[in-house]
């Protein structure tokens, strides 16, 4: 059976509550100003906005994995982690 709607709706930044915007660690107005349109937000983040606690945990993990200078994983292993969880 083919679904006609996603099981977890993707919420555009304009639909986020303050709690959801806080989980993204950015103010909704700031996010909207930095994007030409809401389609520039990754669908993963739009889906995670449905669960602010999970979103907050994910943002901390992904930020550490991708951008934190204290990340001790070599690039090859870091890419393997990204591919395994993606």
Protein backbone atom coordinates (compact mmCIF):
# COMPACT_ATOMS: atom_id res chain seq x y z
CA UNK A 1 0.00 0.00 0.00
CA UNK A 2 1.42 3.37 -1.03
CA UNK A 3 1.01 6.26 1.39
CA UNK A 4 -0.48 9.50 0.11
CA UNK A 5 0.74 11.53 3.10
CA UNK A 6 3.88 11.20 5.20
CA UNK A 7 3.49 9.42 8.55
CA UNK A 8 5.33 12.27 10.26
CA UNK A 9 4.38 15.67 8.87
CA UNK A 10 7.17 18.07 7.94
CA UNK A 11 6.57 21.40 9.65
CA UNK A 12 7.82 24.52 7.91
CA UNK A 13 9.59 27.08 10.12
CA UNK A 14 6.56 29.38 9.88
CA UNK A 15 4.53 26.66 11.64
CA UNK A 16 6.97 26.10 14.52
CA UNK A 17 5.97 26.99 18.06
CA UNK A 18 8.49 28.89 20.22
CA UNK A 19 9.37 25.55 21.87
CA UNK A 20 10.08 23.97 18.50
CA UNK A 21 12.17 26.96 17.38
CA UNK A 22 14.13 26.79 20.64
CA UNK A 23 14.80 23.09 20.04
CA UNK A 24 16.33 24.10 16.72
CA UNK A 25 18.54 26.47 18.73
CA UNK A 26 17.52 29.38 16.51
CA UNK A 27 14.82 32.00 16.62
CA UNK A 28 12.19 31.40 13.94
CA UNK A 29 12.47 34.97 12.65
CA UNK A 30 16.26 34.62 12.38
CA UNK A 31 15.88 31.31 10.58
CA UNK A 32 13.34 32.71 8.14
CA UNK A 33 15.55 35.73 7.48
CA UNK A 34 18.50 33.46 6.64
CA UNK A 35 16.50 31.40 4.15
CA UNK A 36 15.09 32.50 0.84
CA UNK A 37 12.16 30.12 1.42
CA UNK A 38 11.21 27.39 3.90
CA UNK A 39 12.11 24.62 1.45
CA UNK A 40 15.77 25.29 2.24
CA UNK A 41 15.32 23.65 5.66
CA UNK A 42 16.23 19.96 5.53
CA UNK A 43 13.19 17.68 5.68
CA UNK A 44 14.83 15.85 8.59
CA UNK A 45 14.67 19.03 10.67
CA UNK A 46 11.11 19.73 9.57
CA UNK A 47 10.12 16.25 10.78
CA UNK A 48 12.11 16.52 14.02
CA UNK A 49 10.26 19.74 14.83
CA UNK A 50 7.31 17.52 15.80
CA UNK A 51 9.27 16.33 18.86
CA UNK A 52 11.25 19.22 20.41
CA UNK A 53 13.09 17.07 22.99
CA UNK A 54 14.34 14.67 20.32
CA UNK A 55 15.19 17.57 18.05
CA UNK A 56 17.24 19.26 20.75
CA UNK A 57 19.18 16.04 21.43
CA UNK A 58 19.72 15.45 17.70
CA UNK A 59 20.96 19.01 17.13
CA UNK A 60 23.53 18.63 19.93
CA UNK A 61 24.73 15.31 18.54
CA UNK A 62 24.89 16.40 14.91
CA UNK A 63 26.57 19.70 15.77
CA UNK A 64 29.25 17.85 17.73
CA UNK A 65 29.69 15.28 14.97
CA UNK A 66 29.96 17.77 12.12
CA UNK A 67 31.21 21.09 13.45
CA UNK A 68 32.73 20.80 16.94
CA UNK A 69 36.50 21.22 17.15
CA UNK A 70 36.59 18.76 20.08
CA UNK A 71 35.34 15.95 17.80
CA UNK A 72 38.11 13.35 17.88
CA UNK A 73 36.78 11.13 15.09
CA UNK A 74 39.00 11.04 12.02
CA UNK A 75 37.20 12.15 8.83
CA UNK A 76 36.83 8.60 7.47
CA UNK A 77 35.18 7.29 10.65
CA UNK A 78 33.03 10.42 10.94
CA UNK A 79 31.71 9.82 7.43
CA UNK A 80 30.96 6.19 8.31
CA UNK A 81 28.89 7.35 11.30
CA UNK A 82 27.00 9.79 9.10
CA UNK A 83 26.30 7.10 6.50
CA UNK A 84 25.16 4.57 9.14
CA UNK A 85 22.67 6.90 10.82
CA UNK A 86 21.54 8.68 7.65
